[in-house]
Protein backbone atom coordinates (compact mmCIF):
# COMPACT_ATOMS: atom_id res chain seq x y z
CA MET A 1 -61.38 50.07 162.83
CA SER A 2 -59.79 52.02 160.00
CA PRO A 3 -61.56 54.68 157.91
CA TYR A 4 -59.72 53.45 154.83
CA GLN A 5 -60.27 49.70 154.79
CA LEU A 6 -62.31 46.90 156.33
CA ASN A 7 -60.76 45.01 159.23
CA ALA A 8 -60.36 41.23 158.92
CA TYR A 9 -63.69 40.50 160.59
CA ALA A 10 -65.64 42.91 158.38
CA LEU A 11 -63.89 41.64 155.24
CA ALA A 12 -64.68 38.03 156.14
CA LEU A 13 -68.25 38.94 157.03
CA THR A 14 -68.72 40.72 153.71
CA ALA A 15 -67.08 38.04 151.56
CA VAL A 16 -68.70 35.01 153.20
CA GLY A 17 -71.99 36.83 153.79
CA GLU A 18 -72.28 37.71 150.11
CA ILE A 19 -72.04 33.99 149.38
CA ILE A 20 -74.51 32.56 151.87
CA GLN A 21 -77.10 35.37 151.89
CA HIS A 22 -78.64 34.10 148.66
CA TYR A 23 -79.79 30.94 150.44
CA ASP A 24 -81.93 32.92 152.89
CA SER A 25 -85.46 33.84 151.84
CA ASP A 26 -86.03 37.11 153.73
CA LYS A 27 -82.42 38.39 154.10
CA MET A 28 -83.05 39.11 157.79
CA PHE A 29 -80.08 37.75 159.74
CA PRO A 30 -79.96 37.41 163.54
CA ALA A 31 -76.46 38.70 164.41
CA LEU A 32 -74.84 38.02 167.79
CA GLY A 33 -71.60 39.06 169.43
CA PHE A 34 -69.61 37.15 172.04
CA GLY A 35 -66.79 38.16 174.37
CA ALA A 36 -67.51 41.74 175.42
CA LYS A 37 -68.48 43.93 178.36
CA LEU A 38 -71.81 45.58 177.66
CA PRO A 39 -72.97 49.05 178.71
CA PRO A 40 -74.14 50.40 181.06
CA ASP A 41 -72.92 48.07 183.84
CA GLY A 42 -70.00 46.29 182.13
CA ARG A 43 -71.63 42.86 182.25
CA VAL A 44 -69.62 40.26 180.28
CA SER A 45 -71.73 38.56 177.61
CA HIS A 46 -71.16 35.77 175.10
CA GLU A 47 -74.56 36.08 173.43
CA PHE A 48 -75.58 39.69 172.78
CA PRO A 49 -77.42 41.22 169.79
CA LEU A 50 -75.16 43.39 167.64
CA ASN A 51 -78.08 45.74 166.96
CA GLY A 52 -78.76 46.16 170.70
CA ASN A 53 -82.29 44.75 170.39
CA GLN A 54 -82.73 41.81 172.78
CA GLU A 55 -86.20 41.06 171.39
CA ASN A 56 -85.14 40.99 167.74
CA PRO A 57 -81.41 40.64 166.88
CA SER A 58 -82.13 40.46 163.13
CA CYS A 59 -80.32 42.79 160.72
CA CYS A 60 -81.41 43.55 157.16
CA GLY A 61 -78.89 42.13 154.70
CA ILE A 62 -75.10 42.11 154.94
CA ASP A 63 -75.03 45.93 155.03
CA GLY A 64 -77.31 45.87 158.06
CA ILE A 65 -75.01 43.41 159.84
CA LEU A 66 -71.92 45.52 159.10
CA GLU A 67 -73.69 48.65 160.36
CA ALA A 68 -74.69 46.88 163.59
CA TYR A 69 -71.16 45.42 163.96
CA HIS A 70 -69.44 48.79 163.65
CA ARG A 71 -71.96 50.46 165.96
CA SER A 72 -71.47 47.69 168.51
CA LEU A 73 -67.67 48.06 168.40
CA ARG A 74 -68.09 51.68 169.44
CA THR A 75 -70.26 50.83 172.46
CA VAL A 76 -68.93 47.56 173.94
CA GLN A 77 -65.53 46.71 175.42
CA LEU A 78 -64.00 43.57 173.90
CA TYR A 79 -63.32 41.13 176.71
CA GLY A 80 -62.37 37.51 177.32
CA PRO A 81 -62.82 34.68 177.66
CA THR A 82 -63.97 33.51 174.21
CA ASN A 83 -66.93 31.19 174.62
CA PHE A 84 -68.69 29.59 171.64
CA ALA A 85 -71.24 27.42 173.43
CA PRO A 86 -73.81 30.18 174.15
CA VAL A 87 -74.27 31.17 170.48
CA VAL A 88 -74.31 27.53 169.33
CA THR A 89 -77.01 26.80 171.93
CA HIS A 90 -78.90 29.97 170.91
CA VAL A 91 -79.20 28.83 167.28
CA ALA A 92 -79.89 25.24 168.36
CA ARG A 93 -82.93 26.46 170.32
CA ASN A 94 -84.30 28.11 167.17
CA ALA A 95 -83.57 25.03 165.06
CA ALA A 96 -85.25 22.75 167.61
CA ALA A 97 -88.48 24.75 167.31
CA VAL A 98 -89.05 23.68 163.68
CA GLN A 99 -87.94 20.16 162.78
CA ASP A 100 -90.42 19.27 160.02
CA GLY A 101 -87.95 20.05 157.22
CA SER A 102 -89.46 23.42 156.31
CA GLN A 103 -86.52 25.31 157.85
CA TYR A 104 -82.78 24.68 158.11
CA SER A 105 -80.44 27.00 160.02
CA VAL A 106 -76.82 27.85 159.24
CA LEU A 107 -74.70 29.47 161.95
CA LEU A 108 -71.71 31.46 160.69
CA ILE A 109 -69.06 32.08 163.39
CA ILE A 110 -66.21 34.49 162.64
CA THR A 111 -63.39 34.13 165.16
CA ASP A 112 -59.67 34.62 165.75
CA GLY A 113 -59.30 30.97 166.69
CA VAL A 114 -58.97 31.26 170.47
CA ILE A 115 -61.65 29.30 172.34
CA SER A 116 -62.04 29.10 176.10
CA ASP A 117 -64.96 26.68 176.50
CA MET A 118 -63.92 23.79 174.29
CA ALA A 119 -65.66 21.10 176.35
CA GLN A 120 -68.94 23.03 176.51
CA THR A 121 -68.77 23.88 172.79
CA LYS A 122 -68.21 20.24 171.84
CA GLU A 123 -71.19 19.24 173.98
CA ALA A 124 -73.35 21.94 172.36
CA ILE A 125 -72.33 20.78 168.86
CA VAL A 126 -73.00 17.12 169.67
CA ASN A 127 -76.46 18.08 170.94
CA ALA A 128 -77.08 20.24 167.85
CA ALA A 129 -76.05 17.47 165.42
CA LYS A 130 -79.52 15.95 165.59
CA LEU A 131 -81.18 19.27 164.69
CA PRO A 132 -81.74 20.97 161.30
CA MET A 133 -78.64 23.15 161.45
CA SER A 134 -75.06 23.48 160.24
CA ILE A 135 -72.16 25.60 161.50
CA ILE A 136 -69.59 27.41 159.36
CA ILE A 137 -66.54 28.67 161.29
CA VAL A 138 -64.35 31.25 159.55
CA GLY A 139 -61.00 31.82 161.26
CA VAL A 140 -59.40 35.25 160.81
CA GLY A 141 -55.86 36.31 161.69
CA GLN A 142 -52.66 34.32 162.08
CA ALA A 143 -53.51 32.28 165.19
CA GLU A 144 -53.22 28.50 165.35
CA PHE A 145 -56.58 26.96 164.50
CA ASP A 146 -56.07 23.50 165.96
CA ALA A 147 -59.23 23.79 168.07
CA MET A 148 -61.30 24.82 165.02
CA VAL A 149 -59.97 21.85 163.02
CA GLU A 150 -60.97 19.56 165.89
CA LEU A 151 -64.50 21.01 165.88
CA ASP A 152 -64.70 20.49 162.11
CA GLY A 153 -64.68 16.73 162.67
CA ASP A 154 -63.66 15.72 159.15
CA ASP A 155 -60.93 13.36 160.36
CA VAL A 156 -62.36 12.39 163.76
CA ARG A 157 -66.09 12.73 164.45
CA ILE A 158 -66.61 15.10 167.37
CA SER A 159 -67.79 13.61 170.67
CA SER A 160 -68.68 14.77 174.17
CA ARG A 161 -69.08 12.79 177.40
CA GLY A 162 -68.63 9.60 175.41
CA LYS A 163 -71.44 10.52 173.02
CA LEU A 164 -70.62 10.72 169.30
CA ALA A 165 -72.24 13.43 167.17
CA GLU A 166 -74.97 11.97 164.94
CA ARG A 167 -73.76 14.04 161.97
CA ASP A 168 -70.79 16.20 161.06
CA ILE A 169 -72.35 19.68 161.06
CA VAL A 170 -69.23 21.91 161.23
CA GLN A 171 -67.17 23.31 158.36
CA PHE A 172 -64.01 25.29 159.20
CA VAL A 173 -62.39 27.71 156.74
CA PRO A 174 -59.16 29.67 157.51
CA PHE A 175 -59.82 33.04 155.86
CA ARG A 176 -56.10 33.86 155.48
CA ASP A 177 -55.86 31.19 152.78
CA TYR A 178 -58.09 33.28 150.52
CA VAL A 179 -56.71 36.82 150.91
CA ASP A 180 -53.63 38.57 149.53
CA ARG A 181 -50.53 39.41 151.56
CA THR A 182 -52.00 42.71 152.72
CA GLY A 183 -55.09 40.92 154.01
CA ASN A 184 -57.29 43.50 152.30
CA HIS A 185 -58.54 41.64 149.23
CA VAL A 186 -60.03 38.22 148.57
CA LEU A 187 -57.97 36.43 145.92
CA SER A 188 -60.74 34.14 144.67
CA MET A 189 -64.38 34.53 145.62
CA ALA A 190 -65.18 31.38 143.65
CA ARG A 191 -62.75 29.26 145.66
CA LEU A 192 -63.93 30.81 148.92
CA ALA A 193 -67.56 30.13 147.98
CA ARG A 194 -66.79 26.52 147.06
CA ASP A 195 -64.97 25.79 150.31
CA VAL A 196 -67.42 27.63 152.58
CA LEU A 197 -70.42 25.79 151.13
CA ALA A 198 -68.63 22.49 150.50
CA GLU A 199 -70.41 20.46 153.18
CA ILE A 200 -73.75 22.28 153.59
CA PRO A 201 -75.73 20.38 150.89
CA GLU A 202 -74.67 16.97 152.22
CA GLN A 203 -75.36 18.05 155.80
CA LEU A 204 -78.83 19.29 154.91
CA VAL A 205 -79.68 16.11 152.99
CA SER A 206 -78.30 13.90 155.78
CA TYR A 207 -80.67 15.56 158.27
CA MET A 208 -83.68 15.13 155.98
CA LYS A 209 -82.84 11.48 155.36
CA ALA A 210 -82.32 10.78 159.06
CA GLN A 211 -85.76 12.24 159.79
CA GLY A 212 -87.42 10.47 156.87
CA ILE A 213 -88.37 13.80 155.29
CA ARG A 214 -88.85 13.61 151.54
CA PRO A 215 -88.83 16.60 149.17
CA ARG A 216 -92.23 18.03 148.40
CA PRO A 217 -93.46 17.16 144.91
CA PRO A 218 -93.18 19.94 142.35
CA PRO A 219 -96.42 21.87 141.78
CA ALA A 220 -98.62 20.42 139.06
CA ALA A 221 -98.47 22.17 135.71
CA PRO A 222 -101.59 24.26 135.01
CA VAL A 223 -103.95 22.75 132.47
CA HIS A 224 -105.51 26.08 131.51
CA SER A 225 -103.96 29.04 129.75
CA PRO A 226 -102.17 31.36 132.17
CA PRO A 227 -103.48 34.92 132.58
CA LYS A 228 -101.77 37.64 130.63
CA SER A 229 -99.99 39.01 133.72
CA PRO A 230 -99.39 36.04 136.01
CA ALA A 231 -98.46 36.75 139.61
CA ARG A 232 -95.02 35.39 140.35
CA THR A 233 -94.33 33.80 143.72
CA PRO A 234 -90.67 33.28 144.59
CA PRO A 235 -89.80 29.78 145.78
CA ALA A 236 -89.50 29.43 149.53
CA SER A 237 -86.01 28.82 150.91
CA PRO A 238 -85.46 26.32 153.72
CA LEU A 239 -82.30 28.01 154.99
CA HIS A 240 -82.06 30.60 157.75
CA THR A 241 -78.65 32.09 158.36
CA HIS A 242 -77.39 33.27 161.74
CA ILE A 243 -74.22 35.32 162.08
């Protein structure tokens, strides 16, 4: 951490978070860390709440996530291996609880590209492909991202134990393609937004179609004159974002 600028993870979290937060209705984001020894006993975890609250890992807005992230960095010891499967399974459990089309989860994973449990992660993604969820992976740093491209499944649909994923639910974005040479500034938020969200609408619609879920009809127009000060109810959002 530097007192003068955001590190690559925080910059990616801020830039991508600013884009996807508008699709979440309550702006409360469950935020998990993976690959660290936790106090007080040094237990290695790949699924721990950044805010330290096991009962409720939700943070309020992107600022709340950044605050929890920086606080967590000061208390945990970063440690390998790098396992994705636990957080994918964590979000899949939440998505499996509500499959009537009223909720859709998006998991955002920010990583340096190294992955230690490729087989388990592929199996978790294949199992999650039938659930109302999508996964956005943002790679930071200069590492090779071959494993992330394989998980993306654009060229070859991901499979595990001979079972093909029902849908492509993963979108991979290398963050270095969108920042300047110093790595401190995003060159084009519009291009980043376009590429991060490129596959989410189609993935959401493909789930709804597969489940035979049709959009609710729009509310009927009132036939009477509205009151002078009508109460405004914001439209409900079907997306829930996990970081």
